[in-house]
Amino acid sequence: MNFDSIINMISRMFLRRATNWGIRKGIDMAAGKGKPASQMSQHERDMARKGRETVKLARRAARISRRMGR
């Protein structure tokens, strides 16, 4: 491996992590409607929790389907 390919590999790794972090934060903001938990009503907190659980299930299903595709 030459130095250029190593730099590309490392930069892709950091870019992938940053992108995934941003997507997760965006989903959390959408599920919680951008409010902190202290400003939400009980119903809004329950809906945000259910949204996070749904996202967790979707991620797990995507991970399983990727494994089955191998």
PDB file of N, CA and C in Angstrom:
ATOM      1  N   MET A   1       0.843  -1.187   0.000  1.00  0.00           N
ATOM      2  CA  MET A   1       0.000   0.000   0.000  1.00  0.00           C
ATOM      3  C   MET A   1       0.884   1.244   0.000  1.00  0.00           C
ATOM      4  N   ASN A   2       0.473   2.184  -0.782  1.00  0.00           N
ATOM      5  CA  ASN A   2       1.239   3.414  -0.765  1.00  0.00           C
ATOM      6  C   ASN A   2       0.596   4.410   0.213  1.00  0.00           C
ATOM      7  N   PHE A   3       1.287   5.461   0.451  1.00  0.00           N
ATOM      8  CA  PHE A   3       0.861   6.441   1.455  1.00  0.00           C
ATOM      9  C   PHE A   3      -0.470   7.102   1.088  1.00  0.00           C
ATOM     10  N   ASP A   4      -0.693   7.339  -0.207  1.00  0.00           N
ATOM     11  CA  ASP A   4      -1.921   7.991  -0.661  1.00  0.00           C
ATOM     12  C   ASP A   4      -3.154   7.137  -0.354  1.00  0.00           C
ATOM     13  N   SER A   5      -3.059   5.836  -0.573  1.00  0.00           N
ATOM     14  CA  SER A   5      -4.210   4.970  -0.304  1.00  0.00           C
ATOM     15  C   SER A   5      -4.485   4.858   1.190  1.00  0.00           C
ATOM     16  N   ILE A   6      -3.453   4.901   2.002  1.00  0.00           N
ATOM     17  CA  ILE A   6      -3.637   4.871   3.456  1.00  0.00           C
ATOM     18  C   ILE A   6      -4.353   6.134   3.917  1.00  0.00           C
ATOM     19  N   ILE A   7      -3.952   7.282   3.414  1.00  0.00           N
ATOM     20  CA  ILE A   7      -4.609   8.547   3.770  1.00  0.00           C
ATOM     21  C   ILE A   7      -6.072   8.527   3.331  1.00  0.00           C
ATOM     22  N   ASN A   8      -6.340   8.025   2.113  1.00  0.00           N
ATOM     23  CA  ASN A   8      -7.723   7.932   1.635  1.00  0.00           C
ATOM     24  C   ASN A   8      -8.556   7.024   2.522  1.00  0.00           C
ATOM     25  N   MET A   9      -8.004   5.905   2.934  1.00  0.00           N
ATOM     26  CA  MET A   9      -8.722   4.960   3.772  1.00  0.00           C
ATOM     27  C   MET A   9      -9.061   5.589   5.124  1.00  0.00           C
ATOM     28  N   ILE A  10      -8.121   6.270   5.723  1.00  0.00           N
ATOM     29  CA  ILE A  10      -8.348   6.908   7.023  1.00  0.00           C
ATOM     30  C   ILE A  10      -9.358   8.043   6.901  1.00  0.00           C
ATOM     31  N   SER A  11      -9.252   8.845   5.843  1.00  0.00           N
ATOM     32  CA  SER A  11     -10.207   9.946   5.681  1.00  0.00           C
ATOM     33  C   SER A  11     -11.611   9.421   5.436  1.00  0.00           C
ATOM     34  N   ARG A  12     -11.775   8.328   4.688  1.00  0.00           N
ATOM     35  CA  ARG A  12     -13.102   7.732   4.482  1.00  0.00           C
ATOM     36  C   ARG A  12     -13.678   7.219   5.795  1.00  0.00           C
ATOM     37  N   MET A  13     -12.822   6.650   6.649  1.00  0.00           N
ATOM     38  CA  MET A  13     -13.274   6.132   7.922  1.00  0.00           C
ATOM     39  C   MET A  13     -13.827   7.268   8.792  1.00  0.00           C
ATOM     40  N   PHE A  14     -13.098   8.387   8.860  1.00  0.00           N
ATOM     41  CA  PHE A  14     -13.569   9.513   9.664  1.00  0.00           C
ATOM     42  C   PHE A  14     -14.806  10.145   9.060  1.00  0.00           C
ATOM     43  N   LEU A  15     -14.872  10.240   7.757  1.00  0.00           N
ATOM     44  CA  LEU A  15     -16.039  10.814   7.092  1.00  0.00           C
ATOM     45  C   LEU A  15     -17.271   9.939   7.329  1.00  0.00           C
ATOM     46  N   ARG A  16     -17.112   8.629   7.282  1.00  0.00           N
ATOM     47  CA  ARG A  16     -18.227   7.711   7.536  1.00  0.00           C
ATOM     48  C   ARG A  16     -18.732   7.861   8.968  1.00  0.00           C
ATOM     49  N   ARG A  17     -17.807   7.952   9.913  1.00  0.00           N
ATOM     50  CA  ARG A  17     -18.224   8.124  11.309  1.00  0.00           C
ATOM     51  C   ARG A  17     -18.944   9.445  11.524  1.00  0.00           C
ATOM     52  N   ALA A  18     -18.438  10.512  10.924  1.00  0.00           N
ATOM     53  CA  ALA A  18     -19.074  11.821  11.074  1.00  0.00           C
ATOM     54  C   ALA A  18     -20.460  11.831  10.430  1.00  0.00           C
ATOM     55  N   THR A  19     -20.590  11.204   9.276  1.00  0.00           N
ATOM     56  CA  THR A  19     -21.882  11.146   8.607  1.00  0.00           C
ATOM     57  C   THR A  19     -22.889  10.353   9.434  1.00  0.00           C
ATOM     58  N   ASN A  20     -22.472   9.203   9.940  1.00  0.00           N
ATOM     59  CA  ASN A  20     -23.371   8.393  10.765  1.00  0.00           C
ATOM     60  C   ASN A  20     -23.777   9.137  12.028  1.00  0.00           C
ATOM     61  N   TRP A  21     -22.841   9.850  12.631  1.00  0.00           N
ATOM     62  CA  TRP A  21     -23.156  10.626  13.830  1.00  0.00           C
ATOM     63  C   TRP A  21     -24.203  11.696  13.502  1.00  0.00           C
ATOM     64  N   GLY A  22     -24.020  12.388  12.381  1.00  0.00           N
ATOM     65  CA  GLY A  22     -24.960  13.429  11.986  1.00  0.00           C
ATOM     66  C   GLY A  22     -26.335  12.870  11.681  1.00  0.00           C
ATOM     67  N   ILE A  23     -26.390  11.727  11.039  1.00  0.00           N
ATOM     68  CA  ILE A  23     -27.685  11.103  10.734  1.00  0.00           C
ATOM     69  C   ILE A  23     -28.386  10.705  12.019  1.00  0.00           C
ATOM     70  N   ARG A  24     -27.654  10.121  12.946  1.00  0.00           N
ATOM     71  CA  ARG A  24     -28.273   9.732  14.226  1.00  0.00           C
ATOM     72  C   ARG A  24     -28.796  10.942  14.987  1.00  0.00           C
ATOM     73  N   LYS A  25     -28.014  12.009  15.022  1.00  0.00           N
ATOM     74  CA  LYS A  25     -28.461  13.223  15.714  1.00  0.00           C
ATOM     75  C   LYS A  25     -29.706  13.797  15.051  1.00  0.00           C
ATOM     76  N   GLY A  26     -29.743  13.770  13.721  1.00  0.00           N
ATOM     77  CA  GLY A  26     -30.909  14.277  13.005  1.00  0.00           C
ATOM     78  C   GLY A  26     -32.155  13.461  13.286  1.00  0.00           C
ATOM     79  N   ILE A  27     -32.008  12.146  13.343  1.00  0.00           N
ATOM     80  CA  ILE A  27     -33.142  11.281  13.657  1.00  0.00           C
ATOM     81  C   ILE A  27     -33.608  11.532  15.080  1.00  0.00           C
ATOM     82  N   ASP A  28     -32.678  11.684  16.006  1.00  0.00           N
ATOM     83  CA  ASP A  28     -33.058  11.972  17.388  1.00  0.00           C
ATOM     84  C   ASP A  28     -33.776  13.308  17.502  1.00  0.00           C
ATOM     85  N   MET A  29     -33.319  14.305  16.767  1.00  0.00           N
ATOM     86  CA  MET A  29     -33.982  15.614  16.792  1.00  0.00           C
ATOM     87  C   MET A  29     -35.392  15.516  16.203  1.00  0.00           C
ATOM     88  N   ALA A  30     -35.545  14.757  15.119  1.00  0.00           N
ATOM     89  CA  ALA A  30     -36.859  14.601  14.503  1.00  0.00           C
ATOM     90  C   ALA A  30     -37.799  13.818  15.412  1.00  0.00           C
ATOM     91  N   ALA A  31     -37.272  12.814  16.092  1.00  0.00           N
ATOM     92  CA  ALA A  31     -38.109  12.013  16.988  1.00  0.00           C
ATOM     93  C   ALA A  31     -38.528  12.832  18.197  1.00  0.00           C
ATOM     94  N   GLY A  32     -37.657  13.709  18.682  1.00  0.00           N
ATOM     95  CA  GLY A  32     -37.964  14.515  19.852  1.00  0.00           C
ATOM     96  C   GLY A  32     -38.460  15.899  19.503  1.00  0.00           C
ATOM     97  N   LYS A  33     -38.638  16.165  18.223  1.00  0.00           N
ATOM     98  CA  LYS A  33     -39.099  17.457  17.725  1.00  0.00           C
ATOM     99  C   LYS A  33     -38.167  18.589  18.160  1.00  0.00           C
ATOM    100  N   GLY A  34     -36.917  18.278  18.469  1.00  0.00           N
ATOM    101  CA  GLY A  34     -35.922  19.292  18.753  1.00  0.00           C
ATOM    102  C   GLY A  34     -36.003  19.916  20.130  1.00  0.00           C
ATOM    103  N   LYS A  35     -36.861  19.390  20.986  1.00  0.00           N
ATOM    104  CA  LYS A  35     -36.999  19.954  22.333  1.00  0.00           C
ATOM    105  C   LYS A  35     -36.195  19.132  23.333  1.00  0.00           C
ATOM    106  N   PRO A  36     -35.683  19.789  24.357  1.00  0.00           N
ATOM    107  CA  PRO A  36     -35.097  19.006  25.445  1.00  0.00           C
ATOM    108  C   PRO A  36     -36.199  18.295  26.228  1.00  0.00           C
ATOM    109  N   ALA A  37     -35.854  17.230  26.902  1.00  0.00           N
ATOM    110  CA  ALA A  37     -36.855  16.425  27.616  1.00  0.00           C
ATOM    111  C   ALA A  37     -37.582  17.229  28.687  1.00  0.00           C
ATOM    112  N   SER A  38     -36.935  18.221  29.267  1.00  0.00           N
ATOM    113  CA  SER A  38     -37.575  18.997  30.332  1.00  0.00           C
ATOM    114  C   SER A  38     -38.708  19.874  29.802  1.00  0.00           C
ATOM    115  N   GLN A  39     -38.685  20.215  28.500  1.00  0.00           N
ATOM    116  CA  GLN A  39     -39.730  21.059  27.933  1.00  0.00           C
ATOM    117  C   GLN A  39     -40.858  20.254  27.289  1.00  0.00           C
ATOM    118  N   MET A  40     -40.729  18.938  27.240  1.00  0.00           N
ATOM    119  CA  MET A  40     -41.741  18.108  26.604  1.00  0.00           C
ATOM    120  C   MET A  40     -42.819  17.709  27.598  1.00  0.00           C
ATOM    121  N   SER A  41     -44.026  17.501  27.082  1.00  0.00           N
ATOM    122  CA  SER A  41     -45.082  16.934  27.907  1.00  0.00           C
ATOM    123  C   SER A  41     -44.847  15.428  27.999  1.00  0.00           C
ATOM    124  N   GLN A  42     -45.602  14.767  28.852  1.00  0.00           N
ATOM    125  CA  GLN A  42     -45.435  13.323  29.015  1.00  0.00           C
ATOM    126  C   GLN A  42     -45.738  12.601  27.699  1.00  0.00           C
ATOM    127  N   HIS A  43     -46.758  13.046  27.000  1.00  0.00           N
ATOM    128  CA  HIS A  43     -47.114  12.423  25.720  1.00  0.00           C
ATOM    129  C   HIS A  43     -45.984  12.593  24.699  1.00  0.00           C
ATOM    130  N   GLU A  44     -45.387  13.780  24.641  1.00  0.00           N
ATOM    131  CA  GLU A  44     -44.283  14.011  23.706  1.00  0.00           C
ATOM    132  C   GLU A  44     -43.069  13.152  24.052  1.00  0.00           C
ATOM    133  N   ARG A  45     -42.794  12.997  25.363  1.00  0.00           N
ATOM    134  CA  ARG A  45     -41.675  12.140  25.774  1.00  0.00           C
ATOM    135  C   ARG A  45     -41.926  10.690  25.372  1.00  0.00           C
ATOM    136  N   ASP A  46     -43.188  10.227  25.563  1.00  0.00           N
ATOM    137  CA  ASP A  46     -43.522   8.854  25.171  1.00  0.00           C
ATOM    138  C   ASP A  46     -43.367   8.652  23.663  1.00  0.00           C
ATOM    139  N   MET A  47     -43.825   9.638  22.890  1.00  0.00           N
ATOM    140  CA  MET A  47     -43.709   9.530  21.437  1.00  0.00           C
ATOM    141  C   MET A  47     -42.240   9.545  21.003  1.00  0.00           C
ATOM    142  N   ALA A  48     -41.409  10.371  21.645  1.00  0.00           N
ATOM    143  CA  ALA A  48     -39.982  10.419  21.323  1.00  0.00           C
ATOM    144  C   ALA A  48     -39.316   9.089  21.653  1.00  0.00           C
ATOM    145  N   ARG A  49     -39.687   8.500  22.785  1.00  0.00           N
ATOM    146  CA  ARG A  49     -39.128   7.208  23.178  1.00  0.00           C
ATOM    147  C   ARG A  49     -39.528   6.123  22.179  1.00  0.00           C
ATOM    148  N   LYS A  50     -40.784   6.116  21.776  1.00  0.00           N
ATOM    149  CA  LYS A  50     -41.235   5.128  20.795  1.00  0.00           C
ATOM    150  C   LYS A  50     -40.527   5.322  19.460  1.00  0.00           C
ATOM    151  N   GLY A  51     -40.298   6.558  19.088  1.00  0.00           N
ATOM    152  CA  GLY A  51     -39.573   6.829  17.849  1.00  0.00           C
ATOM    153  C   GLY A  51     -38.154   6.305  17.905  1.00  0.00           C
ATOM    154  N   ARG A  52     -37.483   6.514  19.037  1.00  0.00           N
ATOM    155  CA  ARG A  52     -36.116   6.002  19.182  1.00  0.00           C
ATOM    156  C   ARG A  52     -36.094   4.478  19.146  1.00  0.00           C
ATOM    157  N   GLU A  53     -37.101   3.838  19.780  1.00  0.00           N
ATOM    158  CA  GLU A  53     -37.168   2.379  19.751  1.00  0.00           C
ATOM    159  C   GLU A  53     -37.393   1.870  18.329  1.00  0.00           C
ATOM    160  N   THR A  54     -38.227   2.571  17.567  1.00  0.00           N
ATOM    161  CA  THR A  54     -38.481   2.190  16.182  1.00  0.00           C
ATOM    162  C   THR A  54     -37.211   2.310  15.346  1.00  0.00           C
ATOM    163  N   VAL A  55     -36.467   3.378  15.556  1.00  0.00           N
ATOM    164  CA  VAL A  55     -35.206   3.562  14.832  1.00  0.00           C
ATOM    165  C   VAL A  55     -34.227   2.456  15.200  1.00  0.00           C
ATOM    166  N   LYS A  56     -34.180   2.092  16.479  1.00  0.00           N
ATOM    167  CA  LYS A  56     -33.281   1.027  16.917  1.00  0.00           C
ATOM    168  C   LYS A  56     -33.644  -0.293  16.229  1.00  0.00           C
ATOM    169  N   LEU A  57     -34.954  -0.594  16.135  1.00  0.00           N
ATOM    170  CA  LEU A  57     -35.390  -1.803  15.456  1.00  0.00           C
ATOM    171  C   LEU A  57     -35.043  -1.765  13.967  1.00  0.00           C
ATOM    172  N   ALA A  58     -35.202  -0.611  13.340  1.00  0.00           N
ATOM    173  CA  ALA A  58     -34.888  -0.480  11.919  1.00  0.00           C
ATOM    174  C   ALA A  58     -33.397  -0.692  11.676  1.00  0.00           C
ATOM    175  N   ARG A  59     -32.567  -0.145  12.545  1.00  0.00           N
ATOM    176  CA  ARG A  59     -31.119  -0.346  12.402  1.00  0.00           C
ATOM    177  C   ARG A  59     -30.758  -1.815  12.563  1.00  0.00           C
ATOM    178  N   ARG A  60     -31.390  -2.470  13.545  1.00  0.00           N
ATOM    179  CA  ARG A  60     -31.116  -3.888  13.766  1.00  0.00           C
ATOM    180  C   ARG A  60     -31.548  -4.718  12.558  1.00  0.00           C
ATOM    181  N   ALA A  61     -32.721  -4.397  11.981  1.00  0.00           N
ATOM    182  CA  ALA A  61     -33.208  -5.130  10.807  1.00  0.00           C
ATOM    183  C   ALA A  61     -32.274  -4.910   9.622  1.00  0.00           C
ATOM    184  N   ALA A  62     -31.779  -3.690   9.439  1.00  0.00           N
ATOM    185  CA  ALA A  62     -30.850  -3.415   8.345  1.00  0.00           C
ATOM    186  C   ALA A  62     -29.553  -4.189   8.536  1.00  0.00           C
ATOM    187  N   ARG A  63     -29.079  -4.264   9.768  1.00  0.00           N
ATOM    188  CA  ARG A  63     -27.838  -4.992  10.050  1.00  0.00           C
ATOM    189  C   ARG A  63     -28.021  -6.486   9.754  1.00  0.00           C
ATOM    190  N   ILE A  64     -29.176  -7.037  10.153  1.00  0.00           N
ATOM    191  CA  ILE A  64     -29.441  -8.455   9.907  1.00  0.00           C
ATOM    192  C   ILE A  64     -29.563  -8.727   8.416  1.00  0.00           C
ATOM    193  N   SER A  65     -30.243  -7.838   7.690  1.00  0.00           N
ATOM    194  CA  SER A  65     -30.403  -8.057   6.251  1.00  0.00           C
ATOM    195  C   SER A  65     -29.059  -7.965   5.529  1.00  0.00           C
ATOM    196  N   ARG A  66     -28.167  -7.103   5.998  1.00  0.00           N
ATOM    197  CA  ARG A  66     -26.835  -7.037   5.389  1.00  0.00           C
ATOM    198  C   ARG A  66     -26.070  -8.339   5.637  1.00  0.00           C
ATOM    199  N   ARG A  67     -26.231  -8.919   6.836  1.00  0.00           N
ATOM    200  CA  ARG A  67     -25.554 -10.180   7.128  1.00  0.00           C
ATOM    201  C   ARG A  67     -26.090 -11.299   6.250  1.00  0.00           C
ATOM    202  N   MET A  68     -27.410 -11.312   6.036  1.00  0.00           N
ATOM    203  CA  MET A  68     -28.004 -12.362   5.212  1.00  0.00           C
ATOM    204  C   MET A  68     -27.588 -12.222   3.757  1.00  0.00           C
ATOM    205  N   GLY A  69     -27.287 -11.024   3.314  1.00  0.00           N
ATOM    206  CA  GLY A  69     -26.892 -10.781   1.939  1.00  0.00           C
ATOM    207  C   GLY A  69     -25.474 -11.207   1.629  1.00  0.00           C
ATOM    208  N   ARG A  70     -24.702 -11.493   2.645  1.00  0.00           N
ATOM    209  CA  ARG A  70     -23.299 -11.876   2.430  1.00  0.00           C
ATOM    210  C   ARG A  70     -23.191 -13.265   1.886  1.00  0.00           C
TER     211      ARG A  70
END
